[in-house]
Amino acid sequence: MKKFIIILFLITLQFANAKDDTILFLGDSLTEGLGVTKDEAFPKLVKILIQKELKKDISIINAGVSGSTTSDGLDRLKWYLKKKPSIVFLALGTNDGLRGLDLKQSQKNLEEIIKYAQESGAKVLLAGMLIPPNYGPEYSENFRKMYEEIKDKYKLKSMPFLLDQVAGNKNLNQSDGIHPNEQGHKTIAKNVFEFIKEDL
């Protein structure tokens, strides 16, 4: 009987150790890695850093889709939650802002994403975004504040700007001046890793 209990314990332990954390990166072309390969996009690079620095084997889901808005992300999320991610890294909103969409609706969409994710048991980490004043400085400032309001309302851990140290740097962006190049994604990955590592 005692031998059986020990064997059962070892089998249980084996399954427990085999269960990886899964990080769902829900975003747009910045997450997808437009202009670079999937292996060069920051989600994959974050996984490599976690494996190297933390000695943890995790799974990632790169749910970045070029052109995606907060509305699109909300539609996709329910399917991705079937994968039971332990963390949802939420990096959406840039395309809403660049298109001048109603920020009240954008905020509502982001909040719905957060609620669905939290109800599934996932921890939500929020990546803030910034936009140029194409629609006036007031709109851009309200866009920035939207993320702060969401962070405070849901008590989320957040990074103020996903493209910190990358935006505006010609050496880290492609010729369009918007999408990071391979080196830019490496910088983003380092920043995201530092932001996310304590939650793993």
N, C-alpha and C. Protein backbone atom coordinates (compact mmCIF):
# COMPACT_ATOMS: atom_id res chain seq x y z
N MET A 1 0.83 -1.21 0.00
CA MET A 1 0.00 0.00 0.00
C MET A 1 0.86 1.26 0.00
N LYS A 2 1.89 1.22 0.85
CA LYS A 2 2.79 2.36 0.94
C LYS A 2 3.51 2.59 -0.38
N LYS A 3 3.93 1.48 -1.01
CA LYS A 3 4.61 1.58 -2.30
C LYS A 3 3.68 2.18 -3.36
N PHE A 4 2.41 1.79 -3.31
CA PHE A 4 1.42 2.32 -4.26
C PHE A 4 1.25 3.83 -4.09
N ILE A 5 1.21 4.28 -2.85
CA ILE A 5 1.05 5.72 -2.57
C ILE A 5 2.24 6.51 -3.10
N ILE A 6 3.44 5.95 -2.92
CA ILE A 6 4.65 6.62 -3.40
C ILE A 6 4.63 6.75 -4.92
N ILE A 7 4.24 5.64 -5.59
CA ILE A 7 4.17 5.65 -7.06
C ILE A 7 3.13 6.67 -7.53
N LEU A 8 1.98 6.70 -6.86
CA LEU A 8 0.92 7.65 -7.22
C LEU A 8 1.40 9.09 -7.05
N PHE A 9 2.16 9.32 -5.96
CA PHE A 9 2.70 10.66 -5.71
C PHE A 9 3.68 11.07 -6.81
N LEU A 10 4.53 10.14 -7.22
CA LEU A 10 5.52 10.45 -8.26
C LEU A 10 4.85 10.73 -9.60
N ILE A 11 3.79 9.99 -9.90
CA ILE A 11 3.07 10.23 -11.15
C ILE A 11 2.40 11.60 -11.12
N THR A 12 1.79 11.93 -9.99
CA THR A 12 1.15 13.24 -9.83
C THR A 12 2.15 14.36 -9.97
N LEU A 13 3.32 14.15 -9.36
CA LEU A 13 4.38 15.16 -9.42
C LEU A 13 4.87 15.35 -10.84
N GLN A 14 4.96 14.25 -11.58
CA GLN A 14 5.42 14.31 -12.97
C GLN A 14 4.47 15.15 -13.82
N PHE A 15 3.17 14.94 -13.63
CA PHE A 15 2.18 15.71 -14.39
C PHE A 15 2.19 17.16 -13.97
N ALA A 16 2.40 17.42 -12.69
CA ALA A 16 2.43 18.79 -12.20
C ALA A 16 3.61 19.54 -12.80
N ASN A 17 4.77 18.86 -12.87
CA ASN A 17 5.95 19.51 -13.42
C ASN A 17 5.84 19.71 -14.93
N ALA A 18 5.06 18.84 -15.58
CA ALA A 18 4.94 18.92 -17.03
C ALA A 18 4.01 20.04 -17.47
N LYS A 19 3.21 20.53 -16.54
CA LYS A 19 2.25 21.58 -16.88
C LYS A 19 2.95 22.92 -16.99
N ASP A 20 3.01 23.47 -18.18
CA ASP A 20 3.68 24.74 -18.40
C ASP A 20 2.72 25.90 -18.21
N ASP A 21 3.29 27.05 -17.86
CA ASP A 21 2.52 28.29 -17.96
C ASP A 21 2.34 28.59 -19.44
N THR A 22 1.20 29.14 -19.78
CA THR A 22 0.95 29.58 -21.15
C THR A 22 0.65 31.06 -21.14
N ILE A 23 1.40 31.82 -21.93
CA ILE A 23 1.17 33.26 -22.05
C ILE A 23 0.51 33.54 -23.39
N LEU A 24 -0.64 34.17 -23.33
CA LEU A 24 -1.34 34.60 -24.54
C LEU A 24 -1.01 36.07 -24.79
N PHE A 25 -0.36 36.34 -25.91
CA PHE A 25 -0.05 37.71 -26.31
C PHE A 25 -1.14 38.15 -27.28
N LEU A 26 -2.06 38.98 -26.80
CA LEU A 26 -3.20 39.42 -27.61
C LEU A 26 -2.91 40.83 -28.11
N GLY A 27 -2.69 40.96 -29.42
CA GLY A 27 -2.31 42.27 -29.92
C GLY A 27 -2.57 42.44 -31.41
N ASP A 28 -1.85 43.40 -31.99
CA ASP A 28 -2.02 43.72 -33.40
C ASP A 28 -0.73 43.42 -34.15
N SER A 29 -0.41 44.22 -35.17
CA SER A 29 0.78 43.93 -35.98
C SER A 29 2.08 44.05 -35.19
N LEU A 30 2.08 44.86 -34.13
CA LEU A 30 3.28 44.99 -33.30
C LEU A 30 3.57 43.68 -32.59
N THR A 31 2.53 42.98 -32.19
CA THR A 31 2.69 41.68 -31.53
C THR A 31 2.93 40.58 -32.55
N GLU A 32 2.18 40.62 -33.64
CA GLU A 32 2.32 39.61 -34.69
C GLU A 32 3.74 39.59 -35.24
N GLY A 33 4.33 40.79 -35.35
CA GLY A 33 5.68 40.89 -35.91
C GLY A 33 5.65 41.17 -37.39
N LEU A 34 4.83 42.13 -37.80
CA LEU A 34 4.74 42.50 -39.21
C LEU A 34 6.12 42.93 -39.72
N GLY A 35 6.55 42.29 -40.80
CA GLY A 35 7.85 42.65 -41.39
C GLY A 35 9.02 41.84 -40.87
N VAL A 36 8.78 41.02 -39.84
CA VAL A 36 9.81 40.10 -39.35
C VAL A 36 9.18 38.71 -39.28
N THR A 37 9.98 37.71 -39.01
CA THR A 37 9.44 36.36 -38.91
C THR A 37 8.81 36.16 -37.52
N LYS A 38 8.02 35.11 -37.39
CA LYS A 38 7.42 34.79 -36.09
C LYS A 38 8.49 34.56 -35.03
N ASP A 39 9.60 33.97 -35.45
CA ASP A 39 10.69 33.71 -34.50
C ASP A 39 11.43 34.97 -34.08
N GLU A 40 11.27 36.04 -34.86
CA GLU A 40 11.92 37.31 -34.54
C GLU A 40 11.00 38.27 -33.80
N ALA A 41 9.71 37.95 -33.76
CA ALA A 41 8.74 38.81 -33.07
C ALA A 41 8.92 38.68 -31.56
N PHE A 42 8.60 39.75 -30.84
CA PHE A 42 8.94 39.79 -29.42
C PHE A 42 8.31 38.67 -28.57
N PRO A 43 7.08 38.17 -28.86
CA PRO A 43 6.57 37.09 -28.01
C PRO A 43 7.49 35.87 -27.97
N LYS A 44 7.99 35.44 -29.13
CA LYS A 44 8.90 34.28 -29.17
C LYS A 44 10.20 34.61 -28.43
N LEU A 45 10.67 35.84 -28.57
CA LEU A 45 11.91 36.24 -27.91
C LEU A 45 11.74 36.29 -26.39
N VAL A 46 10.54 36.66 -25.94
CA VAL A 46 10.25 36.64 -24.50
C VAL A 46 10.33 35.20 -23.98
N LYS A 47 9.77 34.28 -24.73
CA LYS A 47 9.83 32.87 -24.34
C LYS A 47 11.27 32.40 -24.20
N ILE A 48 12.12 32.77 -25.16
CA ILE A 48 13.52 32.38 -25.11
C ILE A 48 14.22 32.97 -23.88
N LEU A 49 13.92 34.23 -23.56
CA LEU A 49 14.52 34.86 -22.39
C LEU A 49 14.06 34.18 -21.10
N ILE A 50 12.80 33.80 -21.03
CA ILE A 50 12.28 33.11 -19.84
C ILE A 50 12.99 31.77 -19.67
N GLN A 51 13.15 31.06 -20.77
CA GLN A 51 13.84 29.77 -20.70
C GLN A 51 15.30 29.93 -20.29
N LYS A 52 15.93 30.95 -20.82
CA LYS A 52 17.36 31.17 -20.55
C LYS A 52 17.61 31.73 -19.16
N GLU A 53 16.85 32.76 -18.79
CA GLU A 53 17.11 33.48 -17.54
C GLU A 53 16.42 32.85 -16.33
N LEU A 54 15.23 32.31 -16.52
CA LEU A 54 14.47 31.77 -15.40
C LEU A 54 14.46 30.24 -15.36
N LYS A 55 15.01 29.64 -16.41
CA LYS A 55 15.04 28.17 -16.51
C LYS A 55 13.64 27.57 -16.43
N LYS A 56 12.69 28.25 -17.05
CA LYS A 56 11.32 27.77 -17.07
C LYS A 56 10.89 27.51 -18.51
N ASP A 57 10.21 26.40 -18.69
CA ASP A 57 9.71 26.06 -20.01
C ASP A 57 8.25 26.47 -20.09
N ILE A 58 7.95 27.46 -20.87
CA ILE A 58 6.59 27.96 -20.99
C ILE A 58 6.10 27.81 -22.43
N SER A 59 4.80 27.95 -22.58
CA SER A 59 4.21 27.97 -23.92
C SER A 59 3.73 29.39 -24.19
N ILE A 60 3.79 29.79 -25.45
CA ILE A 60 3.25 31.10 -25.81
C ILE A 60 2.26 30.93 -26.96
N ILE A 61 1.32 31.84 -27.00
CA ILE A 61 0.40 31.95 -28.12
C ILE A 61 0.52 33.37 -28.65
N ASN A 62 1.02 33.50 -29.86
CA ASN A 62 1.11 34.82 -30.48
C ASN A 62 -0.22 35.07 -31.19
N ALA A 63 -1.09 35.82 -30.51
CA ALA A 63 -2.41 36.13 -31.06
C ALA A 63 -2.45 37.55 -31.60
N GLY A 64 -1.32 37.97 -32.15
CA GLY A 64 -1.27 39.27 -32.80
C GLY A 64 -1.75 39.16 -34.24
N VAL A 65 -2.62 40.08 -34.63
CA VAL A 65 -3.15 40.11 -36.00
C VAL A 65 -3.04 41.54 -36.53
N SER A 66 -2.40 41.69 -37.67
CA SER A 66 -2.22 43.01 -38.27
C SER A 66 -3.55 43.70 -38.49
N GLY A 67 -3.62 44.97 -38.12
CA GLY A 67 -4.83 45.75 -38.31
C GLY A 67 -5.88 45.56 -37.23
N SER A 68 -5.58 44.70 -36.27
CA SER A 68 -6.56 44.36 -35.25
C SER A 68 -6.91 45.57 -34.37
N THR A 69 -8.20 45.72 -34.11
CA THR A 69 -8.69 46.73 -33.17
C THR A 69 -9.11 46.03 -31.88
N THR A 70 -9.53 46.82 -30.89
CA THR A 70 -9.99 46.23 -29.64
C THR A 70 -11.23 45.37 -29.87
N SER A 71 -12.06 45.76 -30.82
CA SER A 71 -13.25 44.98 -31.14
C SER A 71 -12.87 43.62 -31.72
N ASP A 72 -11.90 43.61 -32.62
CA ASP A 72 -11.43 42.35 -33.20
C ASP A 72 -10.85 41.44 -32.12
N GLY A 73 -10.09 42.04 -31.22
CA GLY A 73 -9.45 41.27 -30.16
C GLY A 73 -10.47 40.61 -29.25
N LEU A 74 -11.54 41.33 -28.97
CA LEU A 74 -12.61 40.79 -28.14
C LEU A 74 -13.24 39.58 -28.82
N ASP A 75 -13.43 39.68 -30.12
CA ASP A 75 -14.03 38.56 -30.87
C ASP A 75 -13.13 37.33 -30.85
N ARG A 76 -11.81 37.55 -30.93
CA ARG A 76 -10.87 36.43 -30.99
C ARG A 76 -10.61 35.79 -29.63
N LEU A 77 -10.74 36.59 -28.58
CA LEU A 77 -10.31 36.14 -27.26
C LEU A 77 -10.99 34.86 -26.81
N LYS A 78 -12.30 34.75 -27.03
CA LYS A 78 -13.04 33.60 -26.52
C LYS A 78 -12.48 32.29 -27.06
N TRP A 79 -12.04 32.31 -28.32
CA TRP A 79 -11.46 31.11 -28.90
C TRP A 79 -10.11 30.81 -28.24
N TYR A 80 -9.30 31.83 -28.06
CA TYR A 80 -7.98 31.62 -27.48
C TYR A 80 -8.05 31.17 -26.03
N LEU A 81 -9.09 31.57 -25.31
CA LEU A 81 -9.21 31.17 -23.91
C LEU A 81 -9.44 29.67 -23.75
N LYS A 82 -9.82 29.01 -24.84
CA LYS A 82 -9.96 27.55 -24.79
C LYS A 82 -8.60 26.89 -24.55
N LYS A 83 -7.54 27.60 -24.86
CA LYS A 83 -6.19 27.09 -24.62
C LYS A 83 -5.78 27.23 -23.15
N LYS A 84 -6.64 27.88 -22.35
CA LYS A 84 -6.43 28.06 -20.91
C LYS A 84 -5.09 28.73 -20.58
N PRO A 85 -4.84 29.91 -21.11
CA PRO A 85 -3.60 30.61 -20.76
C PRO A 85 -3.62 31.03 -19.29
N SER A 86 -2.46 31.01 -18.68
CA SER A 86 -2.35 31.47 -17.29
C SER A 86 -2.16 32.98 -17.24
N ILE A 87 -1.62 33.55 -18.31
CA ILE A 87 -1.41 35.00 -18.40
C ILE A 87 -1.90 35.49 -19.75
N VAL A 88 -2.61 36.60 -19.75
CA VAL A 88 -2.97 37.29 -20.98
C VAL A 88 -2.24 38.63 -21.00
N PHE A 89 -1.33 38.77 -21.95
CA PHE A 89 -0.60 40.03 -22.13
C PHE A 89 -1.38 40.83 -23.17
N LEU A 90 -2.06 41.87 -22.71
CA LEU A 90 -2.99 42.61 -23.55
C LEU A 90 -2.32 43.84 -24.14
N ALA A 91 -2.16 43.84 -25.46
CA ALA A 91 -1.46 44.93 -26.15
C ALA A 91 -2.27 45.38 -27.37
N LEU A 92 -3.47 45.88 -27.11
CA LEU A 92 -4.36 46.32 -28.18
C LEU A 92 -4.75 47.79 -27.99
N GLY A 93 -5.20 48.39 -29.09
CA GLY A 93 -5.70 49.76 -29.01
C GLY A 93 -5.06 50.72 -29.99
N THR A 94 -3.86 50.39 -30.46
CA THR A 94 -3.16 51.31 -31.35
C THR A 94 -3.97 51.61 -32.61
N ASN A 95 -4.53 50.58 -33.21
CA ASN A 95 -5.30 50.81 -34.44
C ASN A 95 -6.59 51.58 -34.20
N ASP A 96 -7.17 51.43 -33.02
CA ASP A 96 -8.33 52.25 -32.66
C ASP A 96 -7.93 53.72 -32.69
N GLY A 97 -6.78 54.00 -32.04
CA GLY A 97 -6.33 55.39 -31.95
C GLY A 97 -5.90 55.97 -33.28
N LEU A 98 -5.23 55.17 -34.09
CA LEU A 98 -4.76 55.65 -35.39
C LEU A 98 -5.92 55.88 -36.37
N ARG A 99 -7.05 55.24 -36.09
CA ARG A 99 -8.24 55.43 -36.94
C ARG A 99 -9.22 56.44 -36.36
N GLY A 100 -8.88 56.97 -35.19
CA GLY A 100 -9.73 57.97 -34.57
C GLY A 100 -11.07 57.42 -34.08
N LEU A 101 -11.08 56.15 -33.67
CA LEU A 101 -12.32 55.53 -33.21
C LEU A 101 -12.76 56.10 -31.86
N ASP A 102 -14.01 55.87 -31.54
CA ASP A 102 -14.59 56.34 -30.28
C ASP A 102 -13.87 55.66 -29.11
N LEU A 103 -13.18 56.45 -28.29
CA LEU A 103 -12.38 55.87 -27.22
C LEU A 103 -13.23 55.26 -26.12
N LYS A 104 -14.45 55.74 -25.97
CA LYS A 104 -15.33 55.13 -24.97
C LYS A 104 -15.63 53.68 -25.35
N GLN A 105 -15.84 53.46 -26.64
CA GLN A 105 -16.09 52.10 -27.10
C GLN A 105 -14.82 51.25 -27.01
N SER A 106 -13.67 51.87 -27.34
CA SER A 106 -12.40 51.14 -27.23
C SER A 106 -12.16 50.70 -25.79
N GLN A 107 -12.42 51.61 -24.85
CA GLN A 107 -12.23 51.27 -23.44
C GLN A 107 -13.20 50.16 -23.02
N LYS A 108 -14.43 50.25 -23.49
CA LYS A 108 -15.41 49.21 -23.16
C LYS A 108 -14.94 47.85 -23.68
N ASN A 109 -14.40 47.84 -24.90
CA ASN A 109 -13.91 46.59 -25.48
C ASN A 109 -12.75 46.01 -24.66
N LEU A 110 -11.81 46.88 -24.29
CA LEU A 110 -10.67 46.42 -23.49
C LEU A 110 -11.13 45.87 -22.15
N GLU A 111 -12.10 46.54 -21.55
CA GLU A 111 -12.61 46.08 -20.26
C GLU A 111 -13.31 44.74 -20.40
N GLU A 112 -14.01 44.53 -21.50
CA GLU A 112 -14.66 43.24 -21.73
C GLU A 112 -13.62 42.14 -21.90
N ILE A 113 -12.54 42.45 -22.61
CA ILE A 113 -11.45 41.48 -22.77
C ILE A 113 -10.89 41.10 -21.40
N ILE A 114 -10.66 42.10 -20.58
CA ILE A 114 -10.10 41.86 -19.24
C ILE A 114 -11.04 41.00 -18.40
N LYS A 115 -12.32 41.31 -18.44
CA LYS A 115 -13.29 40.55 -17.63
C LYS A 115 -13.37 39.10 -18.09
N TYR A 116 -13.43 38.88 -19.39
CA TYR A 116 -13.47 37.51 -19.92
C TYR A 116 -12.22 36.73 -19.51
N ALA A 117 -11.08 37.38 -19.65
CA ALA A 117 -9.82 36.71 -19.32
C ALA A 117 -9.74 36.39 -17.83
N GLN A 118 -10.11 37.34 -17.00
CA GLN A 118 -10.06 37.10 -15.56
C GLN A 118 -11.04 36.03 -15.12
N GLU A 119 -12.20 36.01 -15.73
CA GLU A 119 -13.19 34.99 -15.40
C GLU A 119 -12.70 33.59 -15.77
N SER A 120 -11.81 33.51 -16.74
CA SER A 120 -11.25 32.22 -17.14
C SER A 120 -10.15 31.76 -16.20
N GLY A 121 -9.74 32.65 -15.29
CA GLY A 121 -8.67 32.33 -14.36
C GLY A 121 -7.32 32.88 -14.76
N ALA A 122 -7.25 33.58 -15.88
CA ALA A 122 -5.97 34.12 -16.35
C ALA A 122 -5.66 35.45 -15.65
N LYS A 123 -4.39 35.71 -15.48
CA LYS A 123 -3.94 37.01 -14.99
C LYS A 123 -3.72 37.92 -16.18
N VAL A 124 -4.23 39.14 -16.11
CA VAL A 124 -4.10 40.08 -17.22
C VAL A 124 -2.99 41.07 -16.92
N LEU A 125 -2.07 41.20 -17.86
CA LEU A 125 -1.02 42.22 -17.81
C LEU A 125 -1.26 43.17 -18.97
N LEU A 126 -1.27 44.45 -18.67
CA LEU A 126 -1.68 45.45 -19.66
C LEU A 126 -0.48 46.21 -20.21
N ALA A 127 -0.43 46.32 -21.53
CA ALA A 127 0.60 47.13 -22.19
C ALA A 127 -0.06 48.41 -22.71
N GLY A 128 0.36 49.54 -22.18
CA GLY A 128 -0.17 50.81 -22.64
C GLY A 128 0.41 51.19 -24.00
N MET A 129 -0.30 52.06 -24.68
CA MET A 129 0.13 52.50 -26.00
C MET A 129 0.05 54.03 -26.06
N LEU A 130 0.78 54.61 -26.99
CA LEU A 130 0.73 56.05 -27.27
C LEU A 130 0.53 56.23 -28.77
N ILE A 131 -0.10 57.34 -29.14
CA ILE A 131 -0.31 57.63 -30.57
C ILE A 131 0.09 59.08 -30.85
N PRO A 132 0.45 59.37 -32.09
CA PRO A 132 0.76 60.76 -32.47
C PRO A 132 -0.54 61.58 -32.49
N PRO A 133 -0.39 62.90 -32.42
CA PRO A 133 -1.59 63.76 -32.34
C PRO A 133 -2.28 64.00 -33.69
N ASN A 134 -2.51 62.93 -34.44
CA ASN A 134 -3.16 63.07 -35.75
C ASN A 134 -4.57 63.64 -35.64
N TYR A 135 -5.22 63.32 -34.52
CA TYR A 135 -6.59 63.80 -34.31
C TYR A 135 -6.64 64.87 -33.23
N GLY A 136 -5.51 65.52 -33.02
CA GLY A 136 -5.42 66.59 -32.03
C GLY A 136 -4.85 66.09 -30.72
N PRO A 137 -4.22 67.00 -29.97
CA PRO A 137 -3.56 66.61 -28.71
C PRO A 137 -4.54 66.10 -27.65
N GLU A 138 -5.78 66.59 -27.67
CA GLU A 138 -6.74 66.15 -26.66
C GLU A 138 -7.08 64.67 -26.85
N TYR A 139 -7.28 64.27 -28.11
CA TYR A 139 -7.59 62.87 -28.40
C TYR A 139 -6.42 61.97 -27.98
N SER A 140 -5.20 62.39 -28.31
CA SER A 140 -4.02 61.60 -27.96
C SER A 140 -3.86 61.46 -26.45
N GLU A 141 -4.13 62.55 -25.74
CA GLU A 141 -4.01 62.51 -24.28
C GLU A 141 -5.10 61.63 -23.67
N ASN A 142 -6.30 61.71 -24.20
CA ASN A 142 -7.39 60.85 -23.72
C ASN A 142 -7.08 59.38 -24.00
N PHE A 143 -6.42 59.14 -25.13
CA PHE A 143 -6.02 57.78 -25.48
C PHE A 143 -5.04 57.25 -24.44
N ARG A 144 -4.05 58.05 -24.08
CA ARG A 144 -3.07 57.64 -23.07
C ARG A 144 -3.75 57.39 -21.73
N LYS A 145 -4.65 58.30 -21.35
CA LYS A 145 -5.33 58.18 -20.06
C LYS A 145 -6.23 56.95 -19.99
N MET A 146 -6.72 56.52 -21.15
CA MET A 146 -7.61 55.36 -21.18
C MET A 146 -6.95 54.15 -20.51
N TYR A 147 -5.68 53.94 -20.78
CA TYR A 147 -4.98 52.80 -20.21
C TYR A 147 -4.78 52.97 -18.70
N GLU A 148 -4.54 54.19 -18.28
CA GLU A 148 -4.38 54.45 -16.85
C GLU A 148 -5.68 54.18 -16.10
N GLU A 149 -6.79 54.60 -16.70
CA GLU A 149 -8.09 54.37 -16.08
C GLU A 149 -8.40 52.90 -15.96
N ILE A 150 -8.10 52.16 -17.02
CA ILE A 150 -8.34 50.72 -17.01
C ILE A 150 -7.46 50.04 -15.97
N LYS A 151 -6.20 50.43 -15.93
CA LYS A 151 -5.26 49.85 -14.97
C LYS A 151 -5.75 50.06 -13.55
N ASP A 152 -6.18 51.28 -13.24
CA ASP A 152 -6.62 51.60 -11.89
C ASP A 152 -7.94 50.90 -11.56
N LYS A 153 -8.85 50.85 -12.53
CA LYS A 153 -10.17 50.26 -12.29
C LYS A 153 -10.07 48.76 -11.99
N TYR A 154 -9.18 48.07 -12.71
CA TYR A 154 -9.07 46.61 -12.54
C TYR A 154 -7.82 46.20 -11.76
N LYS A 155 -7.12 47.23 -11.23
CA LYS A 155 -5.93 46.99 -10.42
C LYS A 155 -4.94 46.06 -11.14
N LEU A 156 -4.64 46.43 -12.37
CA LEU A 156 -3.76 45.62 -13.21
C LEU A 156 -2.32 46.10 -13.11
N LYS A 157 -1.42 45.16 -13.29
CA LYS A 157 -0.02 45.51 -13.50
C LYS A 157 0.11 45.93 -14.96
N SER A 158 0.76 47.06 -15.20
CA SER A 158 0.85 47.53 -16.58
C SER A 158 2.20 48.17 -16.86
N MET A 159 2.58 48.11 -18.14
CA MET A 159 3.75 48.85 -18.60
C MET A 159 3.21 50.04 -19.40
N PRO A 160 3.70 51.25 -19.12
CA PRO A 160 3.09 52.45 -19.72
C PRO A 160 3.09 52.48 -21.24
N PHE A 161 4.15 51.96 -21.86
CA PHE A 161 4.26 52.08 -23.32
C PHE A 161 5.02 50.88 -23.87
N LEU A 162 4.34 50.07 -24.67
CA LEU A 162 4.95 48.87 -25.22
C LEU A 162 6.21 49.17 -26.02
N LEU A 163 6.22 50.30 -26.73
CA LEU A 163 7.33 50.62 -27.63
C LEU A 163 8.36 51.55 -26.98
N ASP A 164 8.42 51.55 -25.67
CA ASP A 164 9.41 52.36 -24.96
C ASP A 164 10.81 52.02 -25.46
N GLN A 165 11.61 53.04 -25.74
CA GLN A 165 12.98 52.93 -26.25
C GLN A 165 13.05 52.51 -27.72
N VAL A 166 11.89 52.24 -28.32
CA VAL A 166 11.86 51.80 -29.72
C VAL A 166 11.21 52.84 -30.63
N ALA A 167 10.07 53.36 -30.21
CA ALA A 167 9.35 54.34 -31.04
C ALA A 167 10.22 55.55 -31.33
N GLY A 168 10.27 55.93 -32.60
CA GLY A 168 11.03 57.11 -33.01
C GLY A 168 12.50 56.84 -33.26
N ASN A 169 12.97 55.65 -32.99
CA ASN A 169 14.38 55.31 -33.21
C ASN A 169 14.51 54.64 -34.58
N LYS A 170 15.11 55.33 -35.51
CA LYS A 170 15.22 54.81 -36.88
C LYS A 170 15.98 53.49 -36.95
N ASN A 171 16.91 53.30 -36.05
CA ASN A 171 17.70 52.07 -36.06
C ASN A 171 16.92 50.85 -35.59
N LEU A 172 15.79 51.10 -34.93
CA LEU A 172 15.01 49.99 -34.36
C LEU A 172 13.68 49.78 -35.05
N ASN A 173 13.46 50.54 -36.13
CA ASN A 173 12.19 50.43 -36.85
C ASN A 173 12.42 50.18 -38.33
N GLN A 174 11.39 49.64 -38.94
CA GLN A 174 11.42 49.42 -40.39
C GLN A 174 11.24 50.76 -41.11
N SER A 175 11.30 50.72 -42.43
CA SER A 175 11.27 51.95 -43.22
C SER A 175 9.97 52.74 -43.05
N ASP A 176 8.88 52.06 -42.60
CA ASP A 176 7.62 52.79 -42.40
C ASP A 176 7.63 53.64 -41.14
N GLY A 177 8.64 53.46 -40.29
CA GLY A 177 8.75 54.25 -39.07
C GLY A 177 7.75 53.88 -38.00
N ILE A 178 7.00 52.81 -38.22
CA ILE A 178 5.95 52.39 -37.28
C ILE A 178 6.25 51.03 -36.67
N HIS A 179 6.62 50.09 -37.52
CA HIS A 179 6.79 48.71 -37.07
C HIS A 179 8.25 48.41 -36.74
N PRO A 180 8.51 47.83 -35.57
CA PRO A 180 9.88 47.52 -35.18
C PRO A 180 10.54 46.52 -36.12
N ASN A 181 11.84 46.69 -36.29
CA ASN A 181 12.61 45.69 -37.03
C ASN A 181 13.10 44.62 -36.06
N GLU A 182 13.97 43.76 -36.54
CA GLU A 182 14.44 42.65 -35.69
C GLU A 182 15.07 43.16 -34.39
N GLN A 183 15.90 44.19 -34.50
CA GLN A 183 16.54 44.74 -33.31
C GLN A 183 15.51 45.41 -32.39
N GLY A 184 14.53 46.04 -33.00
CA GLY A 184 13.47 46.66 -32.21
C GLY A 184 12.71 45.64 -31.39
N HIS A 185 12.41 44.49 -32.01
CA HIS A 185 11.70 43.43 -31.28
C HIS A 185 12.55 42.87 -30.15
N LYS A 186 13.85 42.84 -30.32
CA LYS A 186 14.73 42.40 -29.24
C LYS A 186 14.64 43.34 -28.05
N THR A 187 14.56 44.64 -28.32
CA THR A 187 14.44 45.62 -27.24
C THR A 187 13.09 45.48 -26.54
N ILE A 188 12.03 45.33 -27.32
CA ILE A 188 10.70 45.13 -26.73
C ILE A 188 10.69 43.88 -25.86
N ALA A 189 11.28 42.80 -26.37
CA ALA A 189 11.31 41.53 -25.64
C ALA A 189 12.00 41.69 -24.28
N LYS A 190 13.12 42.40 -24.26
CA LYS A 190 13.83 42.61 -23.01
C LYS A 190 12.95 43.38 -22.02
N ASN A 191 12.27 44.41 -22.51
CA ASN A 191 11.40 45.20 -21.64
C ASN A 191 10.22 44.38 -21.13
N VAL A 192 9.62 43.60 -22.02
CA VAL A 192 8.47 42.78 -21.62
C VAL A 192 8.92 41.69 -20.64
N PHE A 193 10.07 41.11 -20.88
CA PHE A 193 10.59 40.09 -19.97
C PHE A 193 10.76 40.67 -18.56
N GLU A 194 11.38 41.83 -18.46
CA GLU A 194 11.58 42.46 -17.15
C GLU A 194 10.24 42.75 -16.48
N PHE A 195 9.26 43.11 -17.29
CA PHE A 195 7.92 43.44 -16.78
C PHE A 195 7.18 42.19 -16.31
N ILE A 196 7.38 41.08 -16.99
CA ILE A 196 6.54 39.90 -16.78
C ILE A 196 7.16 38.84 -15.87
N LYS A 197 8.46 38.91 -15.65
CA LYS A 197 9.17 37.77 -15.04
C LYS A 197 8.70 37.45 -13.62
N GLU A 198 8.28 38.45 -12.87
CA GLU A 198 7.84 38.20 -11.49
C GLU A 198 6.48 37.51 -11.43
N ASP A 199 5.80 37.43 -12.55
CA ASP A 199 4.48 36.81 -12.57
C ASP A 199 4.53 35.36 -13.04
N LEU A 200 5.73 34.85 -13.21
CA LEU A 200 5.88 33.46 -13.69
C LEU A 200 6.33 32.54 -12.57
